[in-house]
């Protein structure tokens, strides 16, 4: 369940036909894309777009992704992708996610992704202070 002690962004959209499988439900791989969009939306909401982070010489490489599938989503369904920061350290950041039915609030998928900050040379490095400060605005006290 999304935490109540920190900022949670929410991005609402409709499931596209191309995202569904032969059973008519969203293919499991698509949720990773939804998580990515939720992460990007979160950083924009915090005033620190991820595109700017990348253009300043850094990437957040994905070290781990977890997803728990609770209720399937289907073509045409309006869903909301929620995102928050679970943990922010010097070199890593972990995001939490919920994909919910926009009308009912039913949680359909939960997840987490763990990222390591690297520079464009591929070396592990500290999360830049300015970007980290923007992300910390969403964390409790």
Protein backbone atom coordinates (compact mmCIF):
# COMPACT_ATOMS: atom_id res chain seq x y z
CA UNK A 1 0.00 0.00 0.00
CA UNK A 2 1.24 3.50 -0.80
CA UNK A 3 2.73 5.19 2.24
CA UNK A 4 0.98 8.10 3.91
CA UNK A 5 4.09 9.68 5.42
CA UNK A 6 5.66 10.92 2.15
CA UNK A 7 4.82 12.38 -1.23
CA UNK A 8 3.19 9.94 -3.66
CA UNK A 9 2.84 11.04 -7.27
CA UNK A 10 -0.05 9.77 -9.37
CA UNK A 11 -0.22 9.63 -13.14
CA UNK A 12 -3.51 8.51 -14.74
CA UNK A 13 -3.85 7.03 -18.24
CA UNK A 14 -5.75 4.43 -20.26
CA UNK A 15 -4.39 0.97 -21.05
CA UNK A 16 -3.57 0.74 -24.77
CA UNK A 17 -4.51 -2.25 -26.92
CA UNK A 18 -0.86 -2.89 -27.85
CA UNK A 19 -0.08 -3.45 -24.15
CA UNK A 20 -2.37 -6.48 -23.87
CA UNK A 21 -1.64 -10.14 -24.53
CA UNK A 22 -3.65 -12.95 -26.15
CA UNK A 23 -5.77 -13.22 -22.99
CA UNK A 24 -6.80 -9.57 -23.30
CA UNK A 25 -4.95 -8.45 -20.19
CA UNK A 26 -1.93 -6.20 -19.81
CA UNK A 27 1.22 -8.26 -20.39
CA UNK A 28 3.38 -8.54 -17.29
CA UNK A 29 6.36 -6.87 -19.00
CA UNK A 30 4.36 -3.68 -19.57
CA UNK A 31 4.16 -2.96 -15.85
CA UNK A 32 7.90 -2.29 -15.83
CA UNK A 33 7.24 0.43 -18.43
CA UNK A 34 4.42 1.79 -16.25
CA UNK A 35 6.86 1.88 -13.32
CA UNK A 36 9.33 3.82 -15.46
CA UNK A 37 6.68 6.36 -16.44
CA UNK A 38 5.64 6.68 -12.80
CA UNK A 39 9.28 7.34 -11.83
CA UNK A 40 9.67 9.98 -14.52
CA UNK A 41 6.40 11.61 -13.46
CA UNK A 42 7.57 11.62 -9.83
CA UNK A 43 10.82 13.41 -10.68
CA UNK A 44 8.97 16.00 -12.78
CA UNK A 45 6.57 16.57 -9.88
CA UNK A 46 9.57 17.16 -7.59
CA UNK A 47 10.91 19.79 -10.03
CA UNK A 48 13.87 17.65 -11.12
CA UNK A 49 13.02 15.96 -14.43
CA UNK A 50 14.94 12.75 -15.05
CA UNK A 51 15.78 13.96 -18.57
CA UNK A 52 17.75 16.81 -16.96
CA UNK A 53 19.46 14.33 -14.62
CA UNK A 54 20.64 12.32 -17.63
CA UNK A 55 21.76 15.36 -19.60
CA UNK A 56 23.86 16.47 -16.61
CA UNK A 57 25.97 13.31 -16.96
CA UNK A 58 24.26 10.64 -14.86
CA UNK A 59 22.03 7.60 -15.13
CA UNK A 60 20.12 5.58 -12.58
CA UNK A 61 20.85 2.05 -13.66
CA UNK A 62 18.28 -0.55 -12.61
CA UNK A 63 19.78 -3.09 -10.20
CA UNK A 64 16.54 -4.86 -9.25
CA UNK A 65 12.82 -4.79 -10.07
CA UNK A 66 10.02 -6.55 -8.22
CA UNK A 67 6.36 -6.75 -9.17
CA UNK A 68 3.43 -8.43 -7.46
CA UNK A 69 0.38 -9.02 -9.66
CA UNK A 70 -2.90 -8.86 -7.74
CA UNK A 71 -5.68 -8.07 -10.22
CA UNK A 72 -5.28 -7.93 -14.03
CA UNK A 73 -5.79 -4.72 -15.98
CA UNK A 74 -7.35 -4.64 -19.44
CA UNK A 75 -7.50 -2.63 -22.64
CA UNK A 76 -9.40 0.64 -22.21
CA UNK A 77 -9.24 0.58 -18.43
CA UNK A 78 -8.21 3.84 -16.81
CA UNK A 79 -5.41 3.21 -14.36
CA UNK A 80 -3.22 5.32 -12.12
CA UNK A 81 0.48 4.72 -11.61
CA UNK A 82 1.58 5.81 -8.15
CA UNK A 83 5.21 6.30 -7.21
CA UNK A 84 7.18 7.26 -4.12
CA UNK A 85 10.69 6.98 -2.78
CA UNK A 86 11.21 4.08 -0.40
CA UNK A 87 14.87 4.82 0.24
CA UNK A 88 17.47 7.36 -0.87
CA UNK A 89 21.13 6.88 -0.06
CA UNK A 90 24.36 8.42 -1.35
CA UNK A 91 24.62 6.17 -4.42
CA UNK A 92 21.27 4.39 -4.59
CA UNK A 93 17.57 5.08 -4.71
CA UNK A 94 14.62 2.73 -4.31
CA UNK A 95 11.18 3.58 -5.63
CA UNK A 96 7.85 2.00 -4.68
CA UNK A 97 4.87 1.66 -7.02
CA UNK A 98 1.19 0.87 -7.18
CA UNK A 99 -0.86 0.45 -10.31
CA UNK A 100 -4.51 0.97 -9.38
CA UNK A 101 -7.87 1.09 -11.10
CA UNK A 102 -8.56 4.82 -11.37
CA UNK A 103 -12.30 4.46 -10.79
CA UNK A 104 -12.37 2.07 -7.85
CA UNK A 105 -8.92 2.51 -6.32
CA UNK A 106 -8.42 -1.29 -6.45
CA UNK A 107 -4.70 -2.06 -6.26
CA UNK A 108 -3.79 -4.18 -9.29
CA UNK A 109 0.01 -4.36 -9.11
CA UNK A 110 2.60 -3.34 -6.54
CA UNK A 111 6.31 -3.04 -7.11
CA UNK A 112 9.72 -1.67 -6.28
CA UNK A 113 12.81 -0.81 -8.26
CA UNK A 114 16.32 -0.32 -6.90
CA UNK A 115 18.73 1.91 -8.82
CA UNK A 116 22.43 2.71 -8.64
CA UNK A 117 23.72 6.10 -9.77
CA UNK A 118 26.42 5.92 -12.43
CA UNK A 119 28.10 8.55 -14.59
CA UNK A 120 28.14 8.32 -18.36
CA UNK A 121 31.52 6.53 -18.14
CA UNK A 122 29.71 3.74 -16.27
CA UNK A 123 31.31 4.40 -12.89
CA UNK A 124 29.24 4.19 -9.71
CA UNK A 125 29.00 7.64 -8.15
CA UNK A 126 27.06 9.73 -5.67
CA UNK A 127 23.61 10.95 -6.58
CA UNK A 128 24.21 14.63 -7.45
CA UNK A 129 23.41 16.88 -4.46
CA UNK A 130 20.92 19.09 -6.32
CA UNK A 131 18.89 16.16 -7.62
CA UNK A 132 19.05 14.33 -4.28
CA UNK A 133 17.80 17.46 -2.49
CA UNK A 134 14.82 17.66 -4.86
CA UNK A 135 14.01 13.99 -4.26
CA UNK A 136 14.33 14.38 -0.47
CA UNK A 137 11.49 16.92 -0.55
CA UNK A 138 9.17 13.93 -0.96
CA UNK A 139 10.49 12.07 2.08
CA UNK A 140 9.26 12.43 5.65
CA UNK A 141 10.98 15.04 7.88
